[in-house]
Amino acid sequence: MSKFLIYSEEEYSYLLQPAGYVVLIALLLVLVFAGHFFGKKKQVSLTAKQLAFSGIAMAIAMVTSQIKFASLPFGGSITFFSMFFITLIGYLYGLRVGLITGLAYGLLQLITNPYIFAPIQVLLDYPLAFGALGLSGLLAKSKHGMVKGYALGVFMRYVFHAVSGQIFFLAYAPETMDPTLYNLSYNATYILPEFILTLVLLCLPPVQKAILKIREMTYHEGA
């Protein structure tokens, strides 16, 4: 295990070792190639344009996720609209591409900003939580699909973080506060502000027009 992870007494968590980074990067590449070569019968693989848009969205999300208005001690931060760019892919291309993009982004977050407490915690807080942002694709064809899809994706991300907190982090709750309430409040502290600010942004007419223009660029490619 020490080849991949080593426990840090100062951080109270595991730190990735070079071999661990290699494994994660390999998993990321496998996910991307699997998404490209395997899919539904009507569409065997992700198109070049889908891969390009997804890659750009992940790159922008990674950059904006580093612009933090606040960071919490056990993970989580209020970022510069980073979640929006992943949910946008689900809105543009549907559920399958959205989920693949979200899962890949979750692995990138794990590589760049790891907080490793236990294997199941890693699964909940990274691939599943960020992959859930791709659920925006479920509502892509509905009225106000971008807004509703963003709300669904962010809510499900919150659910996965809350489940992780309930299982692994209740011991860190203050003695004067109910542990479950602390867990729910802790995760809402960084999810909710960014969620509200992004919804306000999405309701601005210029932003709505820009998103529609982007969708027009992808709508007729058969995605």
Protein backbone atom coordinates (compact mmCIF):
# COMPACT_ATOMS: atom_id res chain seq x y z
CA MET A 1 0.00 0.00 0.00
CA SER A 2 2.91 2.35 0.71
CA LYS A 3 3.82 2.27 -2.99
CA PHE A 4 0.53 4.00 -3.77
CA LEU A 5 -0.47 5.78 -0.55
CA ILE A 6 1.20 6.85 2.66
CA TYR A 7 -0.57 8.04 5.79
CA SER A 8 0.21 11.55 7.00
CA GLU A 9 -0.13 12.14 10.74
CA GLU A 10 -0.16 15.90 10.13
CA GLU A 11 -2.92 15.80 7.51
CA TYR A 12 -4.90 12.95 9.13
CA SER A 13 -5.30 11.49 5.65
CA TYR A 14 -3.47 9.46 3.02
CA LEU A 15 -1.13 11.11 0.52
CA LEU A 16 -0.74 9.84 -3.02
CA GLN A 17 2.65 8.47 -4.00
CA PRO A 18 4.04 8.50 -7.58
CA ALA A 19 2.70 5.00 -8.25
CA GLY A 20 -0.72 6.15 -7.06
CA TYR A 21 -0.69 9.05 -9.49
CA VAL A 22 0.26 6.67 -12.30
CA VAL A 23 -2.70 4.41 -11.48
CA LEU A 24 -5.13 7.35 -11.41
CA ILE A 25 -3.84 8.74 -14.70
CA ALA A 26 -4.16 5.27 -16.23
CA LEU A 27 -7.77 5.04 -14.99
CA LEU A 28 -8.49 8.45 -16.47
CA LEU A 29 -7.12 7.39 -19.85
CA VAL A 30 -9.07 4.13 -19.74
CA LEU A 31 -12.26 6.06 -19.01
CA VAL A 32 -11.66 8.45 -21.92
CA PHE A 33 -10.88 5.64 -24.36
CA ALA A 34 -13.82 3.57 -23.13
CA GLY A 35 -16.11 6.53 -23.69
CA HIS A 36 -14.71 6.97 -27.16
CA PHE A 37 -14.93 3.38 -28.36
CA PHE A 38 -17.97 2.01 -26.56
CA GLY A 39 -21.48 3.38 -26.37
CA LYS A 40 -25.02 2.86 -27.47
CA LYS A 41 -25.83 0.92 -30.64
CA LYS A 42 -26.94 4.04 -32.48
CA GLN A 43 -23.74 5.84 -31.52
CA VAL A 44 -20.77 3.63 -30.92
CA SER A 45 -18.39 6.29 -29.73
CA LEU A 46 -17.96 9.87 -28.70
CA THR A 47 -17.33 12.08 -31.71
CA ALA A 48 -14.24 14.22 -32.08
CA LYS A 49 -16.30 17.34 -31.38
CA GLN A 50 -17.75 15.82 -28.20
CA LEU A 51 -14.28 14.89 -26.98
CA ALA A 52 -13.02 18.37 -27.81
CA PHE A 53 -15.88 20.19 -26.06
CA SER A 54 -15.65 17.87 -23.06
CA GLY A 55 -11.90 18.38 -22.81
CA ILE A 56 -12.27 22.16 -23.01
CA ALA A 57 -15.03 22.11 -20.37
CA MET A 58 -12.89 20.03 -17.99
CA ALA A 59 -9.90 22.32 -18.55
CA ILE A 60 -11.96 25.44 -17.80
CA ALA A 61 -13.55 23.73 -14.79
CA MET A 62 -10.11 22.79 -13.45
CA VAL A 63 -8.85 26.37 -13.84
CA THR A 64 -11.93 27.93 -12.25
CA SER A 65 -11.90 25.36 -9.43
CA GLN A 66 -8.53 26.79 -8.41
CA ILE A 67 -10.12 30.25 -8.01
CA LYS A 68 -11.50 29.75 -4.53
CA PHE A 69 -13.50 32.25 -2.54
CA ALA A 70 -13.37 29.97 0.52
CA SER A 71 -11.98 26.54 1.42
CA LEU A 72 -13.09 24.23 4.21
CA PRO A 73 -10.71 22.15 6.37
CA PHE A 74 -12.03 18.69 5.43
CA GLY A 75 -12.47 19.35 1.73
CA GLY A 76 -14.85 21.49 -0.29
CA SER A 77 -14.56 25.05 -1.54
CA ILE A 78 -16.60 27.82 -3.13
CA THR A 79 -15.15 28.17 -6.62
CA PHE A 80 -15.55 30.43 -9.64
CA PHE A 81 -18.55 28.64 -11.25
CA SER A 82 -16.51 25.47 -11.88
CA MET A 83 -19.47 23.07 -11.57
CA PHE A 84 -21.33 24.83 -14.37
CA PHE A 85 -18.85 23.80 -17.07
CA ILE A 86 -19.33 20.09 -16.35
CA THR A 87 -23.13 20.33 -16.22
CA LEU A 88 -22.98 22.23 -19.52
CA ILE A 89 -21.64 19.14 -21.28
CA GLY A 90 -24.60 17.09 -20.05
CA TYR A 91 -26.94 19.80 -21.34
CA LEU A 92 -25.20 19.89 -24.72
CA TYR A 93 -24.71 16.17 -25.35
CA GLY A 94 -26.99 14.27 -23.01
CA LEU A 95 -26.61 11.88 -20.10
CA ARG A 96 -23.94 9.48 -21.39
CA VAL A 97 -21.41 12.12 -22.41
CA GLY A 98 -22.22 14.18 -19.32
CA LEU A 99 -21.53 11.25 -16.99
CA ILE A 100 -18.27 10.32 -18.73
CA THR A 101 -17.11 13.94 -18.52
CA GLY A 102 -18.11 14.19 -14.86
CA LEU A 103 -16.35 10.95 -13.94
CA ALA A 104 -13.20 12.03 -15.77
CA TYR A 105 -13.32 15.40 -14.04
CA GLY A 106 -13.70 13.65 -10.69
CA LEU A 107 -10.52 11.68 -11.34
CA LEU A 108 -8.72 14.90 -12.32
CA GLN A 109 -9.83 16.48 -9.05
CA LEU A 110 -8.54 13.45 -7.16
CA ILE A 111 -5.18 13.72 -8.94
CA THR A 112 -4.78 17.44 -8.34
CA ASN A 113 -6.55 17.94 -4.98
CA PRO A 114 -6.62 14.59 -3.18
CA TYR A 115 -8.16 14.18 0.26
CA ILE A 116 -8.01 10.45 0.92
CA PHE A 117 -9.48 9.04 4.11
CA ALA A 118 -10.76 5.63 2.96
CA PRO A 119 -11.37 3.87 -0.40
CA ILE A 120 -15.17 4.23 -0.27
CA GLN A 121 -14.80 7.88 0.75
CA VAL A 122 -12.64 8.50 -2.33
CA LEU A 123 -15.27 6.87 -4.55
CA LEU A 124 -18.07 8.95 -3.05
CA ASP A 125 -16.24 12.29 -2.94
CA TYR A 126 -14.58 12.20 -6.35
CA PRO A 127 -15.83 9.99 -9.25
CA LEU A 128 -19.41 9.68 -7.99
CA ALA A 129 -19.84 13.22 -6.64
CA PHE A 130 -18.38 14.97 -9.68
CA GLY A 131 -19.79 12.37 -12.05
CA ALA A 132 -23.23 13.29 -10.70
CA LEU A 133 -22.84 16.72 -12.32
CA GLY A 134 -23.32 14.91 -15.63
CA LEU A 135 -26.87 14.03 -14.59
CA SER A 136 -27.75 17.41 -16.04
CA GLY A 137 -28.11 15.46 -19.28
CA LEU A 138 -31.33 13.91 -17.97
CA LEU A 139 -33.09 17.27 -18.36
CA ALA A 140 -31.29 18.51 -21.46
CA LYS A 141 -34.39 18.43 -23.65
CA SER A 142 -36.79 19.96 -21.14
CA LYS A 143 -37.79 23.60 -20.92
CA HIS A 144 -35.10 25.59 -19.08
CA GLY A 145 -33.04 22.40 -19.27
CA MET A 146 -29.74 24.08 -18.43
CA VAL A 147 -31.04 25.57 -15.20
CA LYS A 148 -32.90 22.43 -14.12
CA GLY A 149 -30.04 20.18 -15.17
CA TYR A 150 -27.54 22.26 -13.24
CA ALA A 151 -29.75 22.12 -10.15
CA LEU A 152 -30.09 18.33 -10.43
CA GLY A 153 -26.38 17.75 -10.96
CA VAL A 154 -25.33 19.97 -8.07
CA PHE A 155 -27.94 18.48 -5.74
CA MET A 156 -26.74 14.95 -6.48
CA ARG A 157 -23.15 16.02 -5.95
CA TYR A 158 -24.24 17.34 -2.56
CA VAL A 159 -25.94 14.01 -1.79
CA PHE A 160 -22.76 12.01 -2.43
CA HIS A 161 -20.65 14.35 -0.30
CA ALA A 162 -23.28 14.20 2.46
CA VAL A 163 -23.29 10.39 2.38
CA SER A 164 -19.49 10.40 2.59
CA GLY A 165 -19.61 12.81 5.51
CA GLN A 166 -22.23 10.73 7.29
CA ILE A 167 -20.09 7.61 7.04
CA PHE A 168 -16.59 8.96 7.60
CA PHE A 169 -16.55 12.44 9.14
CA LEU A 170 -19.18 12.62 11.89
CA ALA A 171 -16.42 12.30 14.50
CA TYR A 172 -15.26 15.80 13.56
CA ALA A 173 -18.58 17.40 14.48
CA PRO A 174 -18.50 19.82 17.44
CA GLU A 175 -19.78 18.29 20.67
CA THR A 176 -22.41 21.01 20.94
CA MET A 177 -23.95 20.22 17.52
CA ASP A 178 -25.90 17.25 16.20
CA PRO A 179 -23.45 15.30 13.96
CA THR A 180 -25.90 14.79 11.09
CA LEU A 181 -26.91 18.45 11.11
CA TYR A 182 -23.23 19.39 11.15
CA ASN A 183 -22.56 17.13 8.17
CA LEU A 184 -25.45 18.53 6.13
CA SER A 185 -24.53 22.10 7.05
CA TYR A 186 -20.84 21.60 6.33
CA ASN A 187 -21.44 20.40 2.78
CA ALA A 188 -24.09 23.05 2.14
CA THR A 189 -21.62 25.74 3.24
CA TYR A 190 -19.59 25.44 0.04
CA ILE A 191 -22.16 23.89 -2.35
CA LEU A 192 -25.05 26.30 -1.74
CA PRO A 193 -23.32 29.69 -2.30
CA GLU A 194 -21.81 28.63 -5.63
CA PHE A 195 -25.14 27.04 -6.61
CA ILE A 196 -27.08 30.26 -5.95
CA LEU A 197 -24.53 32.51 -7.67
CA THR A 198 -24.49 30.26 -10.74
CA LEU A 199 -28.28 30.19 -10.95
CA VAL A 200 -28.30 33.99 -10.90
CA LEU A 201 -25.72 33.97 -13.70
CA LEU A 202 -27.72 31.47 -15.75
CA CYS A 203 -30.83 33.66 -15.53
CA LEU A 204 -29.10 36.63 -17.16
CA PRO A 205 -30.34 37.09 -20.77
CA PRO A 206 -26.83 37.48 -22.30
CA VAL A 207 -25.72 34.22 -20.66
CA GLN A 208 -28.85 32.41 -21.84
CA LYS A 209 -28.24 33.61 -25.40
CA ALA A 210 -24.60 32.51 -25.26
CA ILE A 211 -25.58 29.02 -24.05
CA LEU A 212 -28.17 28.71 -26.82
CA LYS A 213 -25.54 29.71 -29.38
CA ILE A 214 -23.18 27.05 -28.05
CA ARG A 215 -25.95 24.47 -28.22
CA GLU A 216 -26.72 25.41 -31.80
CA MET A 217 -23.11 24.57 -32.63
CA THR A 218 -23.59 21.01 -31.33
CA TYR A 219 -27.27 20.24 -31.90
CA HIS A 220 -27.08 18.99 -35.48
CA GLU A 221 -24.02 16.79 -35.15
CA GLY A 222 -26.06 13.77 -34.09
CA ALA A 223 -24.87 13.69 -30.50
